[in-house]
Amino acid sequence: MVPVTGPAPHLRATADAYDALAVLYADFSRDALDGLPLDRSFIAAFAELARATGSSGSASVAELGCGPGHVTDHLRGLGLDAFGIDLSSELIGLARQEYPGMRFDVGSMDALDLADGVLDGVMSWYSVIHAPPEHVPAYLAEFRRVLTAGGALLVAFFESGGGPVEAFDHKVTTAYRWPIDDLAALAGEAGFEEVGRMLREPCEGERFRRGHLLMRAR
């Protein structure tokens, strides 16, 4: 497993913030996909693309920044061989308790303890949001490294409404809103081609528009 004590201070700050609020965050996010049919439809499209890449209809998929594991479990329900990785050891501990039959590891998205090309899919579900903008290209490059050619990538994030990248006061720790075109362009530079995108307006209780990018590794 990859330690979280690397040179980027935002990694330690993010891990500490989620460790401190792990139980509250797990309770808050447990039913996060309920009532979000558009979000679930994009996850289903990601699952289908990953399965098409895998052998014999199976697909190995990692949710990076998996938190307490509820979305990883949703991926498993879609027929994927899914596992989760997160910076927060406290959240990983909760995920292991909640889903004892699944794999959850502590690690950093920018330095994965995985061989090249071993995955059919990578999901980053509101997890790159905490990376300072200058670090995001390295995250995307790492996603591409661990994906097989044709592998699927799904990135969900807070969209900036067409404005520049903007920091905001996320309830856990500092996060960033991205213009969807800019994030898609960075993914293209990292070796991905766009399959589709979705923007949806905030639901009740949400502050910002949500962006979703479905990509394929070249």
C-alpha atoms as a PDB file:
ATOM      1  CA  MET A   1       0.000   0.000   0.000  1.00  0.00           C
ATOM      2  CA  VAL A   2       1.121   3.544  -0.678  1.00  0.00           C
ATOM      3  CA  PRO A   3       1.815   5.725   2.367  1.00  0.00           C
ATOM      4  CA  VAL A   4       0.138   9.118   2.607  1.00  0.00           C
ATOM      5  CA  THR A   5       3.296  10.856   3.875  1.00  0.00           C
ATOM      6  CA  GLY A   6       4.551  11.974   0.461  1.00  0.00           C
ATOM      7  CA  PRO A   7       5.728  15.415  -0.605  1.00  0.00           C
ATOM      8  CA  ALA A   8       2.298  16.892  -1.357  1.00  0.00           C
ATOM      9  CA  PRO A   9       0.894  18.473   1.836  1.00  0.00           C
ATOM     10  CA  HIS A  10      -2.667  18.456   0.499  1.00  0.00           C
ATOM     11  CA  LEU A  11      -2.674  14.650   0.756  1.00  0.00           C
ATOM     12  CA  ARG A  12      -2.016  14.686   4.484  1.00  0.00           C
ATOM     13  CA  ALA A  13      -4.502  17.503   5.025  1.00  0.00           C
ATOM     14  CA  THR A  14      -7.209  15.664   3.081  1.00  0.00           C
ATOM     15  CA  ALA A  15      -6.594  12.388   4.921  1.00  0.00           C
ATOM     16  CA  ASP A  16      -6.639  14.101   8.317  1.00  0.00           C
ATOM     17  CA  ALA A  17      -9.865  15.976   7.513  1.00  0.00           C
ATOM     18  CA  TYR A  18     -11.731  12.836   6.443  1.00  0.00           C
ATOM     19  CA  ASP A  19     -10.305  10.786   9.320  1.00  0.00           C
ATOM     20  CA  ALA A  20     -11.700  13.320  11.766  1.00  0.00           C
ATOM     21  CA  LEU A  21     -15.201  13.204  10.253  1.00  0.00           C
ATOM     22  CA  ALA A  22     -15.244   9.595   9.053  1.00  0.00           C
ATOM     23  CA  VAL A  23     -18.328   8.370  10.907  1.00  0.00           C
ATOM     24  CA  LEU A  24     -20.366  11.495  10.166  1.00  0.00           C
ATOM     25  CA  TYR A  25     -19.315  11.442   6.524  1.00  0.00           C
ATOM     26  CA  ALA A  26     -20.172   7.743   6.159  1.00  0.00           C
ATOM     27  CA  ASP A  27     -23.643   8.318   7.607  1.00  0.00           C
ATOM     28  CA  PHE A  28     -24.219  11.386   5.428  1.00  0.00           C
ATOM     29  CA  SER A  29     -23.116   9.751   2.187  1.00  0.00           C
ATOM     30  CA  ARG A  30     -24.586   6.284   2.687  1.00  0.00           C
ATOM     31  CA  ASP A  31     -27.647   6.907   0.482  1.00  0.00           C
ATOM     32  CA  ALA A  32     -26.017   9.497  -1.774  1.00  0.00           C
ATOM     33  CA  LEU A  33     -27.106   7.804  -5.017  1.00  0.00           C
ATOM     34  CA  ASP A  34     -30.755   7.511  -4.010  1.00  0.00           C
ATOM     35  CA  GLY A  35     -32.951   9.873  -5.986  1.00  0.00           C
ATOM     36  CA  LEU A  36     -30.198  10.577  -8.534  1.00  0.00           C
ATOM     37  CA  PRO A  37     -31.243   8.651 -11.670  1.00  0.00           C
ATOM     38  CA  LEU A  38     -28.983  10.643 -13.996  1.00  0.00           C
ATOM     39  CA  ASP A  39     -25.929   9.935 -11.871  1.00  0.00           C
ATOM     40  CA  ARG A  40     -26.787   6.247 -11.673  1.00  0.00           C
ATOM     41  CA  SER A  41     -27.304   6.100 -15.432  1.00  0.00           C
ATOM     42  CA  PHE A  42     -23.796   7.398 -16.042  1.00  0.00           C
ATOM     43  CA  ILE A  43     -22.373   4.869 -13.590  1.00  0.00           C
ATOM     44  CA  ALA A  44     -24.253   2.143 -15.465  1.00  0.00           C
ATOM     45  CA  ALA A  45     -22.766   3.344 -18.760  1.00  0.00           C
ATOM     46  CA  PHE A  46     -19.303   3.250 -17.185  1.00  0.00           C
ATOM     47  CA  ALA A  47     -19.919  -0.313 -15.995  1.00  0.00           C
ATOM     48  CA  GLU A  48     -21.001  -1.423 -19.460  1.00  0.00           C
ATOM     49  CA  LEU A  49     -17.924   0.135 -21.064  1.00  0.00           C
ATOM     50  CA  ALA A  50     -15.627  -1.508 -18.504  1.00  0.00           C
ATOM     51  CA  ARG A  51     -17.259  -4.914 -19.026  1.00  0.00           C
ATOM     52  CA  ALA A  52     -16.797  -4.573 -22.777  1.00  0.00           C
ATOM     53  CA  THR A  53     -13.078  -4.061 -22.166  1.00  0.00           C
ATOM     54  CA  GLY A  54     -12.680  -6.964 -19.753  1.00  0.00           C
ATOM     55  CA  SER A  55     -12.331 -10.612 -20.623  1.00  0.00           C
ATOM     56  CA  SER A  56     -15.314 -12.993 -20.663  1.00  0.00           C
ATOM     57  CA  GLY A  57     -17.662 -10.236 -19.547  1.00  0.00           C
ATOM     58  CA  SER A  58     -15.865  -9.594 -16.236  1.00  0.00           C
ATOM     59  CA  ALA A  59     -14.095  -6.349 -15.427  1.00  0.00           C
ATOM     60  CA  SER A  60     -11.613  -5.279 -12.754  1.00  0.00           C
ATOM     61  CA  VAL A  61     -12.481  -1.766 -11.593  1.00  0.00           C
ATOM     62  CA  ALA A  62     -11.057   0.516  -8.905  1.00  0.00           C
ATOM     63  CA  GLU A  63     -12.971   3.314  -7.228  1.00  0.00           C
ATOM     64  CA  LEU A  64     -10.291   5.823  -6.301  1.00  0.00           C
ATOM     65  CA  GLY A  65     -11.266   7.960  -3.359  1.00  0.00           C
ATOM     66  CA  CYS A  66     -13.883   5.393  -2.351  1.00  0.00           C
ATOM     67  CA  GLY A  67     -14.630   6.804   1.100  1.00  0.00           C
ATOM     68  CA  PRO A  68     -16.851   4.437   3.119  1.00  0.00           C
ATOM     69  CA  GLY A  69     -17.392   2.157   0.141  1.00  0.00           C
ATOM     70  CA  HIS A  70     -21.060   2.609  -0.759  1.00  0.00           C
ATOM     71  CA  VAL A  71     -20.369   3.477  -4.403  1.00  0.00           C
ATOM     72  CA  THR A  72     -17.839   0.646  -4.689  1.00  0.00           C
ATOM     73  CA  ASP A  73     -20.577  -1.682  -3.481  1.00  0.00           C
ATOM     74  CA  HIS A  74     -22.927  -0.191  -6.091  1.00  0.00           C
ATOM     75  CA  LEU A  75     -20.347  -1.056  -8.752  1.00  0.00           C
ATOM     76  CA  ARG A  76     -20.226  -4.620  -7.488  1.00  0.00           C
ATOM     77  CA  GLY A  77     -24.013  -4.724  -7.802  1.00  0.00           C
ATOM     78  CA  LEU A  78     -23.577  -3.871 -11.480  1.00  0.00           C
ATOM     79  CA  GLY A  79     -21.513  -7.017 -11.976  1.00  0.00           C
ATOM     80  CA  LEU A  80     -18.034  -5.519 -11.704  1.00  0.00           C
ATOM     81  CA  ASP A  81     -15.050  -6.927  -9.812  1.00  0.00           C
ATOM     82  CA  ALA A  82     -14.729  -3.670  -7.878  1.00  0.00           C
ATOM     83  CA  PHE A  83     -12.398  -2.584  -5.102  1.00  0.00           C
ATOM     84  CA  GLY A  84     -11.748   0.736  -3.405  1.00  0.00           C
ATOM     85  CA  ILE A  85      -8.750   2.893  -2.487  1.00  0.00           C
ATOM     86  CA  ASP A  86      -8.813   5.969  -0.259  1.00  0.00           C
ATOM     87  CA  LEU A  87      -6.404   8.235   1.624  1.00  0.00           C
ATOM     88  CA  SER A  88      -8.402   8.021   4.838  1.00  0.00           C
ATOM     89  CA  SER A  89      -7.552   5.001   6.965  1.00  0.00           C
ATOM     90  CA  GLU A  90     -10.632   5.682   9.081  1.00  0.00           C
ATOM     91  CA  LEU A  91     -12.957   5.564   6.070  1.00  0.00           C
ATOM     92  CA  ILE A  92     -11.246   2.431   4.780  1.00  0.00           C
ATOM     93  CA  GLY A  93     -11.795   0.827   8.172  1.00  0.00           C
ATOM     94  CA  LEU A  94     -15.510   1.658   8.015  1.00  0.00           C
ATOM     95  CA  ALA A  95     -15.729   0.309   4.454  1.00  0.00           C
ATOM     96  CA  ARG A  96     -14.144  -2.977   5.504  1.00  0.00           C
ATOM     97  CA  GLN A  97     -16.627  -3.310   8.369  1.00  0.00           C
ATOM     98  CA  GLU A  98     -19.637  -2.501   6.182  1.00  0.00           C
ATOM     99  CA  TYR A  99     -18.593  -4.641   3.211  1.00  0.00           C
ATOM    100  CA  PRO A 100     -16.421  -7.449   4.604  1.00  0.00           C
ATOM    101  CA  GLY A 101     -16.379  -9.416   1.362  1.00  0.00           C
ATOM    102  CA  MET A 102     -14.794  -6.601  -0.624  1.00  0.00           C
ATOM    103  CA  ARG A 103     -11.263  -5.239  -0.960  1.00  0.00           C
ATOM    104  CA  PHE A 104     -10.468  -1.770   0.376  1.00  0.00           C
ATOM    105  CA  ASP A 105      -6.922  -0.355   0.569  1.00  0.00           C
ATOM    106  CA  VAL A 106      -5.367   2.831   1.946  1.00  0.00           C
ATOM    107  CA  GLY A 107      -3.497   4.660  -0.804  1.00  0.00           C
ATOM    108  CA  SER A 108      -3.078   7.804  -2.864  1.00  0.00           C
ATOM    109  CA  MET A 109      -4.577   8.285  -6.313  1.00  0.00           C
ATOM    110  CA  ASP A 110      -1.398   9.852  -7.652  1.00  0.00           C
ATOM    111  CA  ALA A 111       0.838   6.888  -6.696  1.00  0.00           C
ATOM    112  CA  LEU A 112      -1.178   3.679  -6.940  1.00  0.00           C
ATOM    113  CA  ASP A 113       0.307   0.388  -5.800  1.00  0.00           C
ATOM    114  CA  LEU A 114      -0.889  -1.251  -9.026  1.00  0.00           C
ATOM    115  CA  ALA A 115       0.916  -2.540 -12.099  1.00  0.00           C
ATOM    116  CA  ASP A 116       0.562  -0.901 -15.489  1.00  0.00           C
ATOM    117  CA  GLY A 117      -2.569  -1.733 -17.471  1.00  0.00           C
ATOM    118  CA  VAL A 118      -4.194  -4.046 -14.922  1.00  0.00           C
ATOM    119  CA  LEU A 119      -7.621  -2.371 -14.700  1.00  0.00           C
ATOM    120  CA  ASP A 120     -10.591  -2.283 -17.047  1.00  0.00           C
ATOM    121  CA  GLY A 121     -12.087   0.720 -15.308  1.00  0.00           C
ATOM    122  CA  VAL A 122     -11.281   3.573 -12.937  1.00  0.00           C
ATOM    123  CA  MET A 123     -13.893   5.679 -11.192  1.00  0.00           C
ATOM    124  CA  SER A 124     -13.129   8.964  -9.460  1.00  0.00           C
ATOM    125  CA  TRP A 125     -16.450   9.911  -7.881  1.00  0.00           C
ATOM    126  CA  TYR A 126     -15.949  13.407  -6.426  1.00  0.00           C
ATOM    127  CA  SER A 127     -12.409  12.539  -5.346  1.00  0.00           C
ATOM    128  CA  VAL A 128     -10.106  14.617  -7.575  1.00  0.00           C
ATOM    129  CA  ILE A 129     -12.035  17.626  -6.285  1.00  0.00           C
ATOM    130  CA  HIS A 130      -9.584  18.007  -3.400  1.00  0.00           C
ATOM    131  CA  ALA A 131      -6.453  18.008  -5.576  1.00  0.00           C
ATOM    132  CA  PRO A 132      -4.988  21.465  -6.228  1.00  0.00           C
ATOM    133  CA  PRO A 133      -5.377  22.179  -9.961  1.00  0.00           C
ATOM    134  CA  GLU A 134      -1.656  21.855 -10.669  1.00  0.00           C
ATOM    135  CA  HIS A 135      -1.731  18.267  -9.346  1.00  0.00           C
ATOM    136  CA  VAL A 136      -4.672  17.035 -11.429  1.00  0.00           C
ATOM    137  CA  PRO A 137      -2.615  16.163 -14.560  1.00  0.00           C
ATOM    138  CA  ALA A 138      -0.523  13.755 -12.455  1.00  0.00           C
ATOM    139  CA  TYR A 139      -3.692  12.093 -11.147  1.00  0.00           C
ATOM    140  CA  LEU A 140      -5.038  11.632 -14.668  1.00  0.00           C
ATOM    141  CA  ALA A 141      -1.697  10.259 -15.868  1.00  0.00           C
ATOM    142  CA  GLU A 142      -1.760   7.716 -13.031  1.00  0.00           C
ATOM    143  CA  PHE A 143      -5.311   6.701 -13.966  1.00  0.00           C
ATOM    144  CA  ARG A 144      -4.153   6.106 -17.531  1.00  0.00           C
ATOM    145  CA  ARG A 145      -1.112   4.113 -16.383  1.00  0.00           C
ATOM    146  CA  VAL A 146      -3.149   1.510 -14.521  1.00  0.00           C
ATOM    147  CA  LEU A 147      -5.825   1.170 -17.219  1.00  0.00           C
ATOM    148  CA  THR A 148      -5.672  -1.232 -20.123  1.00  0.00           C
ATOM    149  CA  ALA A 149      -6.119   0.206 -23.620  1.00  0.00           C
ATOM    150  CA  GLY A 150      -9.808   0.910 -24.081  1.00  0.00           C
ATOM    151  CA  GLY A 151     -10.408   0.925 -20.329  1.00  0.00           C
ATOM    152  CA  ALA A 152     -13.120   3.168 -18.927  1.00  0.00           C
ATOM    153  CA  LEU A 153     -12.680   6.266 -16.765  1.00  0.00           C
ATOM    154  CA  LEU A 154     -15.549   8.060 -15.036  1.00  0.00           C
ATOM    155  CA  VAL A 155     -14.850  11.342 -13.257  1.00  0.00           C
ATOM    156  CA  ALA A 156     -17.550  13.145 -11.271  1.00  0.00           C
ATOM    157  CA  PHE A 157     -16.887  16.653  -9.982  1.00  0.00           C
ATOM    158  CA  PHE A 158     -18.354  20.034  -9.124  1.00  0.00           C
ATOM    159  CA  GLU A 159     -18.666  22.143 -12.279  1.00  0.00           C
ATOM    160  CA  SER A 160     -17.705  25.815 -12.311  1.00  0.00           C
ATOM    161  CA  GLY A 161     -20.482  27.033 -14.581  1.00  0.00           C
ATOM    162  CA  GLY A 162     -18.073  27.857 -17.367  1.00  0.00           C
ATOM    163  CA  GLY A 163     -15.836  30.031 -15.203  1.00  0.00           C
ATOM    164  CA  PRO A 164     -12.237  29.285 -14.220  1.00  0.00           C
ATOM    165  CA  VAL A 165     -11.180  26.632 -11.721  1.00  0.00           C
ATOM    166  CA  GLU A 166     -12.387  27.871  -8.368  1.00  0.00           C
ATOM    167  CA  ALA A 167     -11.718  26.789  -4.781  1.00  0.00           C
ATOM    168  CA  PHE A 168     -14.687  26.530  -2.442  1.00  0.00           C
ATOM    169  CA  ASP A 169     -15.446  25.662   1.169  1.00  0.00           C
ATOM    170  CA  HIS A 170     -16.330  21.983   0.946  1.00  0.00           C
ATOM    171  CA  LYS A 171     -17.780  20.713   4.240  1.00  0.00           C
ATOM    172  CA  VAL A 172     -14.746  18.484   4.862  1.00  0.00           C
ATOM    173  CA  THR A 173     -11.769  20.289   3.329  1.00  0.00           C
ATOM    174  CA  THR A 174     -10.929  22.669   0.484  1.00  0.00           C
ATOM    175  CA  ALA A 175     -12.202  21.519  -2.904  1.00  0.00           C
ATOM    176  CA  TYR A 176     -12.252  22.880  -6.445  1.00  0.00           C
ATOM    177  CA  ARG A 177     -14.895  23.441  -9.095  1.00  0.00           C
ATOM    178  CA  TRP A 178     -13.805  22.793 -12.694  1.00  0.00           C
ATOM    179  CA  PRO A 179     -15.076  23.911 -16.094  1.00  0.00           C
ATOM    180  CA  ILE A 180     -15.970  20.674 -17.826  1.00  0.00           C
ATOM    181  CA  ASP A 181     -14.128  21.596 -21.041  1.00  0.00           C
ATOM    182  CA  ASP A 182     -10.881  22.217 -19.154  1.00  0.00           C
ATOM    183  CA  LEU A 183     -11.017  18.919 -17.283  1.00  0.00           C
ATOM    184  CA  ALA A 184     -11.857  17.057 -20.489  1.00  0.00           C
ATOM    185  CA  ALA A 185      -8.875  18.702 -22.205  1.00  0.00           C
ATOM    186  CA  LEU A 186      -6.514  17.622 -19.412  1.00  0.00           C
ATOM    187  CA  ALA A 187      -7.825  14.067 -19.665  1.00  0.00           C
ATOM    188  CA  GLY A 188      -7.191  14.158 -23.399  1.00  0.00           C
ATOM    189  CA  GLU A 189      -3.597  15.193 -22.791  1.00  0.00           C
ATOM    190  CA  ALA A 190      -3.239  12.281 -20.340  1.00  0.00           C
ATOM    191  CA  GLY A 191      -4.248   9.730 -22.988  1.00  0.00           C
ATOM    192  CA  PHE A 192      -8.044   9.579 -22.854  1.00  0.00           C
ATOM    193  CA  GLU A 193     -10.733  10.130 -25.449  1.00  0.00           C
ATOM    194  CA  GLU A 194     -14.154  11.362 -24.463  1.00  0.00           C
ATOM    195  CA  VAL A 195     -17.121   9.022 -24.766  1.00  0.00           C
ATOM    196  CA  GLY A 196     -19.737  11.305 -23.238  1.00  0.00           C
ATOM    197  CA  ARG A 197     -20.438  13.991 -20.684  1.00  0.00           C
ATOM    198  CA  MET A 198     -23.297  15.048 -18.447  1.00  0.00           C
ATOM    199  CA  LEU A 199     -24.032  18.254 -16.626  1.00  0.00           C
ATOM    200  CA  ARG A 200     -26.927  18.397 -14.226  1.00  0.00           C
ATOM    201  CA  GLU A 201     -28.329  21.209 -12.156  1.00  0.00           C
ATOM    202  CA  PRO A 202     -28.150  21.083  -8.344  1.00  0.00           C
ATOM    203  CA  CYS A 203     -30.770  19.005  -6.577  1.00  0.00           C
ATOM    204  CA  GLU A 204     -32.362  20.123  -3.333  1.00  0.00           C
ATOM    205  CA  GLY A 205     -29.648  20.630  -0.745  1.00  0.00           C
ATOM    206  CA  GLU A 206     -26.855  20.904  -3.354  1.00  0.00           C
ATOM    207  CA  ARG A 207     -25.015  24.131  -4.072  1.00  0.00           C
ATOM    208  CA  PHE A 208     -23.331  23.572  -7.426  1.00  0.00           C
ATOM    209  CA  ARG A 209     -23.905  22.065 -10.831  1.00  0.00           C
ATOM    210  CA  ARG A 210     -22.436  18.578 -11.201  1.00  0.00           C
ATOM    211  CA  GLY A 211     -20.163  17.432 -14.010  1.00  0.00           C
ATOM    212  CA  HIS A 212     -19.544  13.886 -15.239  1.00  0.00           C
ATOM    213  CA  LEU A 213     -17.010  12.785 -17.848  1.00  0.00           C
ATOM    214  CA  LEU A 214     -16.942   9.282 -19.315  1.00  0.00           C
ATOM    215  CA  MET A 215     -13.647   8.563 -21.076  1.00  0.00           C
ATOM    216  CA  ARG A 216     -11.849   5.678 -22.765  1.00  0.00           C
ATOM    217  CA  ALA A 217      -8.076   5.074 -22.485  1.00  0.00           C
ATOM    218  CA  ARG A 218      -6.338   5.344 -25.842  1.00  0.00           C
END
